[in-house]
Amino acid sequence: QLVESGGGLVQAGGSLRLSCAASGRTFSTYNMGW
């Protein structure tokens, strides 16, 4: 299960950091994409 966070409204030229929290014990065995 994947849950994203960190989105929002920002002005051009600004920055944001998105996070994705994953459930399960085998996270390291997965390729991850955005």
PDB file of all heavy atoms in Angstrom:
ATOM      1  N   GLN A   1       0.849  -1.192   0.000  1.00  0.00           N
ATOM      2  CA  GLN A   1       0.000   0.000   0.000  1.00  0.00           C
ATOM      3  C   GLN A   1       0.880   1.235   0.000  1.00  0.00           C
ATOM      4  O   GLN A   1       1.871   1.294   0.744  1.00  0.00           O
ATOM      5  CB  GLN A   1      -0.925  -0.012   1.207  1.00  0.00           C
ATOM      6  CG  GLN A   1      -1.984  -1.098   1.139  1.00  0.00           C
ATOM      7  CD  GLN A   1      -2.982  -1.024   2.279  1.00  0.00           C
ATOM      8  OE1 GLN A   1      -2.643  -0.622   3.380  1.00  0.00           O
ATOM      9  NE2 GLN A   1      -4.217  -1.405   2.001  1.00  0.00           N
ATOM     10  N   LEU A   2       0.501   2.204  -0.824  1.00  0.00           N
ATOM     11  CA  LEU A   2       1.312   3.402  -1.004  1.00  0.00           C
ATOM     12  C   LEU A   2       0.484   4.637  -0.676  1.00  0.00           C
ATOM     13  O   LEU A   2      -0.663   4.756  -1.132  1.00  0.00           O
ATOM     14  CB  LEU A   2       1.809   3.486  -2.446  1.00  0.00           C
ATOM     15  CG  LEU A   2       2.607   2.281  -2.950  1.00  0.00           C
ATOM     16  CD1 LEU A   2       2.843   2.396  -4.455  1.00  0.00           C
ATOM     17  CD2 LEU A   2       3.921   2.144  -2.226  1.00  0.00           C
ATOM     18  N   VAL A   3       1.065   5.545   0.071  1.00  0.00           N
ATOM     19  CA  VAL A   3       0.382   6.780   0.434  1.00  0.00           C
ATOM     20  C   VAL A   3       1.308   7.949   0.158  1.00  0.00           C
ATOM     21  O   VAL A   3       2.377   8.064   0.774  1.00  0.00           O
ATOM     22  CB  VAL A   3      -0.037   6.782   1.915  1.00  0.00           C
ATOM     23  CG1 VAL A   3      -0.729   8.104   2.258  1.00  0.00           C
ATOM     24  CG2 VAL A   3      -0.952   5.603   2.220  1.00  0.00           C
ATOM     25  N   GLU A   4       0.884   8.819  -0.762  1.00  0.00           N
ATOM     26  CA  GLU A   4       1.677  10.004  -1.112  1.00  0.00           C
ATOM     27  C   GLU A   4       1.302  11.178  -0.214  1.00  0.00           C
ATOM     28  O   GLU A   4       0.181  11.273   0.273  1.00  0.00           O
ATOM     29  CB  GLU A   4       1.450  10.414  -2.568  1.00  0.00           C
ATOM     30  CG  GLU A   4       1.728   9.352  -3.604  1.00  0.00           C
ATOM     31  CD  GLU A   4       0.495   8.601  -4.037  1.00  0.00           C
ATOM     32  OE1 GLU A   4      -0.479   8.552  -3.253  1.00  0.00           O
ATOM     33  OE2 GLU A   4       0.484   8.066  -5.165  1.00  0.00           O
ATOM     34  N   SER A   5       2.237  12.079  -0.068  1.00  0.00           N
ATOM     35  CA  SER A   5       1.999  13.332   0.652  1.00  0.00           C
ATOM     36  C   SER A   5       2.979  14.375   0.150  1.00  0.00           C
ATOM     37  O   SER A   5       3.940  14.041  -0.549  1.00  0.00           O
ATOM     38  CB  SER A   5       2.151  13.131   2.161  1.00  0.00           C
ATOM     39  OG  SER A   5       3.461  12.720   2.486  1.00  0.00           O
ATOM     40  N   GLY A   6       2.712  15.627   0.507  1.00  0.00           N
ATOM     41  CA  GLY A   6       3.653  16.687   0.175  1.00  0.00           C
ATOM     42  C   GLY A   6       3.240  17.581  -0.977  1.00  0.00           C
ATOM     43  O   GLY A   6       3.929  18.549  -1.289  1.00  0.00           O
ATOM     44  N   GLY A   7       2.117  17.261  -1.618  1.00  0.00           N
ATOM     45  CA  GLY A   7       1.666  18.119  -2.706  1.00  0.00           C
ATOM     46  C   GLY A   7       1.139  19.446  -2.189  1.00  0.00           C
ATOM     47  O   GLY A   7       0.992  19.647  -0.976  1.00  0.00           O
ATOM     48  N   GLY A   8       0.859  20.353  -3.115  1.00  0.00           N
ATOM     49  CA  GLY A   8       0.327  21.653  -2.719  1.00  0.00           C
ATOM     50  C   GLY A   8       0.432  22.654  -3.839  1.00  0.00           C
ATOM     51  O   GLY A   8       0.670  22.303  -4.994  1.00  0.00           O
ATOM     52  N   LEU A   9       0.246  23.917  -3.462  1.00  0.00           N
ATOM     53  CA  LEU A   9       0.307  25.024  -4.406  1.00  0.00           C
ATOM     54  C   LEU A   9       1.621  25.762  -4.208  1.00  0.00           C
ATOM     55  O   LEU A   9       1.987  26.114  -3.074  1.00  0.00           O
ATOM     56  CB  LEU A   9      -0.873  25.973  -4.158  1.00  0.00           C
ATOM     57  CG  LEU A   9      -0.895  27.273  -4.946  1.00  0.00           C
ATOM     58  CD1 LEU A   9      -1.020  27.004  -6.438  1.00  0.00           C
ATOM     59  CD2 LEU A   9      -2.035  28.162  -4.461  1.00  0.00           C
ATOM     60  N   VAL A  10       2.317  26.002  -5.297  1.00  0.00           N
ATOM     61  CA  VAL A  10       3.608  26.684  -5.225  1.00  0.00           C
ATOM     62  C   VAL A  10       3.751  27.586  -6.442  1.00  0.00           C
ATOM     63  O   VAL A  10       3.181  27.312  -7.507  1.00  0.00           O
ATOM     64  CB  VAL A  10       4.762  25.656  -5.149  1.00  0.00           C
ATOM     65  CG1 VAL A  10       4.835  24.821  -6.411  1.00  0.00           C
ATOM     66  CG2 VAL A  10       6.089  26.323  -4.848  1.00  0.00           C
ATOM     67  N   GLN A  11       4.494  28.656  -6.286  1.00  0.00           N
ATOM     68  CA  GLN A  11       4.743  29.552  -7.412  1.00  0.00           C
ATOM     69  C   GLN A  11       5.816  28.972  -8.325  1.00  0.00           C
ATOM     70  O   GLN A  11       6.678  28.195  -7.881  1.00  0.00           O
ATOM     71  CB  GLN A  11       5.180  30.922  -6.909  1.00  0.00           C
ATOM     72  CG  GLN A  11       4.057  31.749  -6.287  1.00  0.00           C
ATOM     73  CD  GLN A  11       4.485  33.181  -6.004  1.00  0.00           C
ATOM     74  OE1 GLN A  11       5.663  33.457  -5.803  1.00  0.00           O
ATOM     75  NE2 GLN A  11       3.526  34.086  -6.000  1.00  0.00           N
ATOM     76  N   ALA A  12       5.768  29.360  -9.569  1.00  0.00           N
ATOM     77  CA  ALA A  12       6.790  28.941 -10.522  1.00  0.00           C
ATOM     78  C   ALA A  12       8.172  29.313  -9.990  1.00  0.00           C
ATOM     79  O   ALA A  12       8.364  30.401  -9.441  1.00  0.00           O
ATOM     80  CB  ALA A  12       6.555  29.577 -11.876  1.00  0.00           C
ATOM     81  N   GLY A  13       9.101  28.378 -10.139  1.00  0.00           N
ATOM     82  CA  GLY A  13      10.446  28.571  -9.628  1.00  0.00           C
ATOM     83  C   GLY A  13      10.651  28.016  -8.237  1.00  0.00           C
ATOM     84  O   GLY A  13      11.788  27.920  -7.760  1.00  0.00           O
ATOM     85  N   GLY A  14       9.556  27.659  -7.580  1.00  0.00           N
ATOM     86  CA  GLY A  14       9.629  27.133  -6.229  1.00  0.00           C
ATOM     87  C   GLY A  14       9.921  25.646  -6.189  1.00  0.00           C
ATOM     88  O   GLY A  14      10.187  25.016  -7.221  1.00  0.00           O
ATOM     89  N   SER A  15       9.869  25.089  -4.974  1.00  0.00           N
ATOM     90  CA  SER A  15      10.206  23.683  -4.762  1.00  0.00           C
ATOM     91  C   SER A  15       9.142  23.006  -3.919  1.00  0.00           C
ATOM     92  O   SER A  15       8.471  23.639  -3.107  1.00  0.00           O
ATOM     93  CB  SER A  15      11.553  23.570  -4.042  1.00  0.00           C
ATOM     94  OG  SER A  15      12.595  24.112  -4.805  1.00  0.00           O
ATOM     95  N   LEU A  16       9.034  21.715  -4.127  1.00  0.00           N
ATOM     96  CA  LEU A  16       8.201  20.851  -3.291  1.00  0.00           C
ATOM     97  C   LEU A  16       8.919  19.517  -3.152  1.00  0.00           C
ATOM     98  O   LEU A  16       9.659  19.108  -4.051  1.00  0.00           O
ATOM     99  CB  LEU A  16       6.824  20.607  -3.909  1.00  0.00           C
ATOM    100  CG  LEU A  16       5.747  21.677  -3.772  1.00  0.00           C
ATOM    101  CD1 LEU A  16       4.508  21.279  -4.560  1.00  0.00           C
ATOM    102  CD2 LEU A  16       5.394  21.929  -2.318  1.00  0.00           C
ATOM    103  N   ARG A  17       8.643  18.836  -2.049  1.00  0.00           N
ATOM    104  CA  ARG A  17       9.166  17.493  -1.848  1.00  0.00           C
ATOM    105  C   ARG A  17       8.002  16.553  -1.595  1.00  0.00           C
ATOM    106  O   ARG A  17       7.297  16.685  -0.598  1.00  0.00           O
ATOM    107  CB  ARG A  17      10.121  17.456  -0.665  1.00  0.00           C
ATOM    108  CG  ARG A  17      10.851  16.121  -0.523  1.00  0.00           C
ATOM    109  CD  ARG A  17      11.524  16.025   0.818  1.00  0.00           C
ATOM    110  NE  ARG A  17      12.513  14.958   0.888  1.00  0.00           N
ATOM    111  CZ  ARG A  17      12.915  14.394   2.016  1.00  0.00           C
ATOM    112  NH1 ARG A  17      12.436  14.805   3.174  1.00  0.00           N
ATOM    113  NH2 ARG A  17      13.823  13.432   1.980  1.00  0.00           N
ATOM    114  N   LEU A  18       7.809  15.626  -2.518  1.00  0.00           N
ATOM    115  CA  LEU A  18       6.773  14.615  -2.353  1.00  0.00           C
ATOM    116  C   LEU A  18       7.349  13.411  -1.621  1.00  0.00           C
ATOM    117  O   LEU A  18       8.509  13.044  -1.832  1.00  0.00           O
ATOM    118  CB  LEU A  18       6.230  14.179  -3.707  1.00  0.00           C
ATOM    119  CG  LEU A  18       5.659  15.271  -4.611  1.00  0.00           C
ATOM    120  CD1 LEU A  18       5.072  14.651  -5.871  1.00  0.00           C
ATOM    121  CD2 LEU A  18       4.642  16.114  -3.893  1.00  0.00           C
ATOM    122  N   SER A  19       6.519  12.811  -0.788  1.00  0.00           N
ATOM    123  CA  SER A  19       6.892  11.595  -0.078  1.00  0.00           C
ATOM    124  C   SER A  19       5.888  10.499  -0.394  1.00  0.00           C
ATOM    125  O   SER A  19       4.715  10.771  -0.645  1.00  0.00           O
ATOM    126  CB  SER A  19       6.918  11.829   1.438  1.00  0.00           C
ATOM    127  OG  SER A  19       7.847  12.804   1.799  1.00  0.00           O
ATOM    128  N   CYS A  20       6.364   9.282  -0.362  1.00  0.00           N
ATOM    129  CA  CYS A  20       5.496   8.135  -0.553  1.00  0.00           C
ATOM    130  C   CYS A  20       5.872   7.100   0.504  1.00  0.00           C
ATOM    131  O   CYS A  20       7.017   6.634   0.537  1.00  0.00           O
ATOM    132  CB  CYS A  20       5.660   7.559  -1.948  1.00  0.00           C
ATOM    133  SG  CYS A  20       4.756   6.028  -2.245  1.00  0.00           S
ATOM    134  N   ALA A  21       4.918   6.798   1.365  1.00  0.00           N
ATOM    135  CA  ALA A  21       5.142   5.800   2.412  1.00  0.00           C
ATOM    136  C   ALA A  21       4.548   4.470   1.965  1.00  0.00           C
ATOM    137  O   ALA A  21       3.395   4.414   1.520  1.00  0.00           O
ATOM    138  CB  ALA A  21       4.502   6.252   3.713  1.00  0.00           C
ATOM    139  N   ALA A  22       5.333   3.418   2.079  1.00  0.00           N
ATOM    140  CA  ALA A  22       4.905   2.094   1.636  1.00  0.00           C
ATOM    141  C   ALA A  22       4.751   1.151   2.812  1.00  0.00           C
ATOM    142  O   ALA A  22       5.550   1.183   3.753  1.00  0.00           O
ATOM    143  CB  ALA A  22       5.914   1.529   0.641  1.00  0.00           C
ATOM    144  N   SER A  23       3.744   0.325   2.746  1.00  0.00           N
ATOM    145  CA  SER A  23       3.573  -0.722   3.755  1.00  0.00           C
ATOM    146  C   SER A  23       4.332  -1.964   3.314  1.00  0.00           C
ATOM    147  O   SER A  23       4.760  -2.073   2.169  1.00  0.00           O
ATOM    148  CB  SER A  23       2.092  -1.060   3.919  1.00  0.00           C
ATOM    149  OG  SER A  23       1.608  -1.623   2.714  1.00  0.00           O
ATOM    150  N   GLY A  24       4.489  -2.900   4.218  1.00  0.00           N
ATOM    151  CA  GLY A  24       5.100  -4.180   3.853  1.00  0.00           C
ATOM    152  C   GLY A  24       6.562  -4.258   4.213  1.00  0.00           C
ATOM    153  O   GLY A  24       7.243  -3.244   4.354  1.00  0.00           O
ATOM    154  N   ARG A  25       7.050  -5.493   4.301  1.00  0.00           N
ATOM    155  CA  ARG A  25       8.418  -5.732   4.745  1.00  0.00           C
ATOM    156  C   ARG A  25       9.397  -5.851   3.598  1.00  0.00           C
ATOM    157  O   ARG A  25      10.597  -5.943   3.824  1.00  0.00           O
ATOM    158  CB  ARG A  25       8.465  -7.021   5.558  1.00  0.00           C
ATOM    159  CG  ARG A  25       7.593  -7.023   6.792  1.00  0.00           C
ATOM    160  CD  ARG A  25       7.676  -8.345   7.523  1.00  0.00           C
ATOM    161  NE  ARG A  25       6.767  -8.403   8.659  1.00  0.00           N
ATOM    162  CZ  ARG A  25       6.622  -9.451   9.436  1.00  0.00           C
ATOM    163  NH1 ARG A  25       7.318 -10.544   9.204  1.00  0.00           N
ATOM    164  NH2 ARG A  25       5.775  -9.415  10.444  1.00  0.00           N
ATOM    165  N   THR A  26       8.889  -5.856   2.368  1.00  0.00           N
ATOM    166  CA  THR A  26       9.759  -6.133   1.235  1.00  0.00           C
ATOM    167  C   THR A  26       9.944  -4.916   0.351  1.00  0.00           C
ATOM    168  O   THR A  26      10.181  -5.040  -0.842  1.00  0.00           O
ATOM    169  CB  THR A  26       9.183  -7.296   0.420  1.00  0.00           C
ATOM    170  OG1 THR A  26       7.865  -6.953  -0.031  1.00  0.00           O
ATOM    171  CG2 THR A  26       9.152  -8.569   1.234  1.00  0.00           C
ATOM    172  N   PHE A  27       9.845  -3.745   0.917  1.00  0.00           N
ATOM    173  CA  PHE A  27       9.937  -2.500   0.144  1.00  0.00           C
ATOM    174  C   PHE A  27      11.201  -2.452  -0.687  1.00  0.00           C
ATOM    175  O   PHE A  27      11.176  -2.017  -1.837  1.00  0.00           O
ATOM    176  CB  PHE A  27       9.889  -1.313   1.109  1.00  0.00           C
ATOM    177  CG  PHE A  27      10.111   0.012   0.461  1.00  0.00           C
ATOM    178  CD1 PHE A  27       9.087   0.626  -0.253  1.00  0.00           C
ATOM    179  CD2 PHE A  27      11.337   0.658   0.549  1.00  0.00           C
ATOM    180  CE1 PHE A  27       9.283   1.861  -0.858  1.00  0.00           C
ATOM    181  CE2 PHE A  27      11.541   1.889  -0.046  1.00  0.00           C
ATOM    182  CZ  PHE A  27      10.511   2.486  -0.759  1.00  0.00           C
ATOM    183  N   SER A  28      12.294  -2.898  -0.133  1.00  0.00           N
ATOM    184  CA  SER A  28      13.576  -2.790  -0.833  1.00  0.00           C
ATOM    185  C   SER A  28      13.636  -3.645  -2.090  1.00  0.00           C
ATOM    186  O   SER A  28      14.521  -3.443  -2.927  1.00  0.00           O
ATOM    187  CB  SER A  28      14.724  -3.171   0.101  1.00  0.00           C
ATOM    188  OG  SER A  28      14.612  -4.530   0.493  1.00  0.00           O
ATOM    189  N   THR A  29      12.724  -4.572  -2.242  1.00  0.00           N
ATOM    190  CA  THR A  29      12.727  -5.443  -3.422  1.00  0.00           C
ATOM    191  C   THR A  29      11.919  -4.871  -4.582  1.00  0.00           C
ATOM    192  O   THR A  29      11.829  -5.498  -5.640  1.00  0.00           O
ATOM    193  CB  THR A  29      12.169  -6.833  -3.079  1.00  0.00           C
ATOM    194  OG1 THR A  29      10.778  -6.717  -2.754  1.00  0.00           O
ATOM    195  CG2 THR A  29      12.918  -7.467  -1.914  1.00  0.00           C
ATOM    196  N   TYR A  30      11.339  -3.700  -4.390  1.00  0.00           N
ATOM    197  CA  TYR A  30      10.509  -3.089  -5.423  1.00  0.00           C
ATOM    198  C   TYR A  30      11.220  -1.929  -6.111  1.00  0.00           C
ATOM    199  O   TYR A  30      11.886  -1.113  -5.464  1.00  0.00           O
ATOM    200  CB  TYR A  30       9.199  -2.567  -4.827  1.00  0.00           C
ATOM    201  CG  TYR A  30       8.222  -3.666  -4.478  1.00  0.00           C
ATOM    202  CD1 TYR A  30       8.260  -4.279  -3.227  1.00  0.00           C
ATOM    203  CD2 TYR A  30       7.280  -4.096  -5.395  1.00  0.00           C
ATOM    204  CE1 TYR A  30       7.374  -5.294  -2.903  1.00  0.00           C
ATOM    205  CE2 TYR A  30       6.382  -5.106  -5.079  1.00  0.00           C
ATOM    206  CZ  TYR A  30       6.439  -5.688  -3.842  1.00  0.00           C
ATOM    207  OH  TYR A  30       5.562  -6.699  -3.513  1.00  0.00           O
ATOM    208  N   ASN A  31      11.051  -1.863  -7.408  1.00  0.00           N
ATOM    209  CA  ASN A  31      11.363  -0.634  -8.125  1.00  0.00           C
ATOM    210  C   ASN A  31      10.269   0.373  -7.798  1.00  0.00           C
ATOM    211  O   ASN A  31       9.095   0.007  -7.731  1.00  0.00           O
ATOM    212  CB  ASN A  31      11.369  -0.870  -9.632  1.00  0.00           C
ATOM    213  CG  ASN A  31      12.342  -1.959 -10.037  1.00  0.00           C
ATOM    214  OD1 ASN A  31      13.496  -1.943  -9.633  1.00  0.00           O
ATOM    215  ND2 ASN A  31      11.861  -2.923 -10.802  1.00  0.00           N
ATOM    216  N   MET A  32      10.648   1.612  -7.618  1.00  0.00           N
ATOM    217  CA  MET A  32       9.669   2.646  -7.271  1.00  0.00           C
ATOM    218  C   MET A  32       9.657   3.727  -8.338  1.00  0.00           C
ATOM    219  O   MET A  32      10.704   4.131  -8.843  1.00  0.00           O
ATOM    220  CB  MET A  32      10.009   3.274  -5.921  1.00  0.00           C
ATOM    221  CG  MET A  32      10.015   2.282  -4.753  1.00  0.00           C
ATOM    222  SD  MET A  32       8.433   1.476  -4.508  1.00  0.00           S
ATOM    223  CE  MET A  32       7.380   2.876  -4.109  1.00  0.00           C
ATOM    224  N   GLY A  33       8.457   4.182  -8.653  1.00  0.00           N
ATOM    225  CA  GLY A  33       8.338   5.198  -9.684  1.00  0.00           C
ATOM    226  C   GLY A  33       7.389   6.311  -9.275  1.00  0.00           C
ATOM    227  O   GLY A  33       6.551   6.145  -8.392  1.00  0.00           O
ATOM    228  N   TRP A  34       7.580   7.445  -9.911  1.00  0.00           N
ATOM    229  CA  TRP A  34       6.643   8.569  -9.810  1.00  0.00           C
ATOM    230  C   TRP A  34       6.091   8.838 -11.206  1.00  0.00           C
ATOM    231  O   TRP A  34       6.855   8.917 -12.185  1.00  0.00           O
ATOM    232  CB  TRP A  34       7.324   9.826  -9.277  1.00  0.00           C
ATOM    233  CG  TRP A  34       7.617   9.797  -7.803  1.00  0.00           C
ATOM    234  CD1 TRP A  34       8.808   9.474  -7.204  1.00  0.00           C
ATOM    235  CD2 TRP A  34       6.713  10.128  -6.742  1.00  0.00           C
ATOM    236  NE1 TRP A  34       8.694   9.565  -5.845  1.00  0.00           N
ATOM    237  CE2 TRP A  34       7.415   9.978  -5.528  1.00  0.00           C
ATOM    238  CE3 TRP A  34       5.376  10.538  -6.690  1.00  0.00           C
ATOM    239  CZ2 TRP A  34       6.837  10.222  -4.280  1.00  0.00           C
ATOM    240  CZ3 TRP A  34       4.800  10.777  -5.463  1.00  0.00           C
ATOM    241  CH2 TRP A  34       5.530  10.615  -4.273  1.00  0.00           C
TER     242      TRP A  34
END
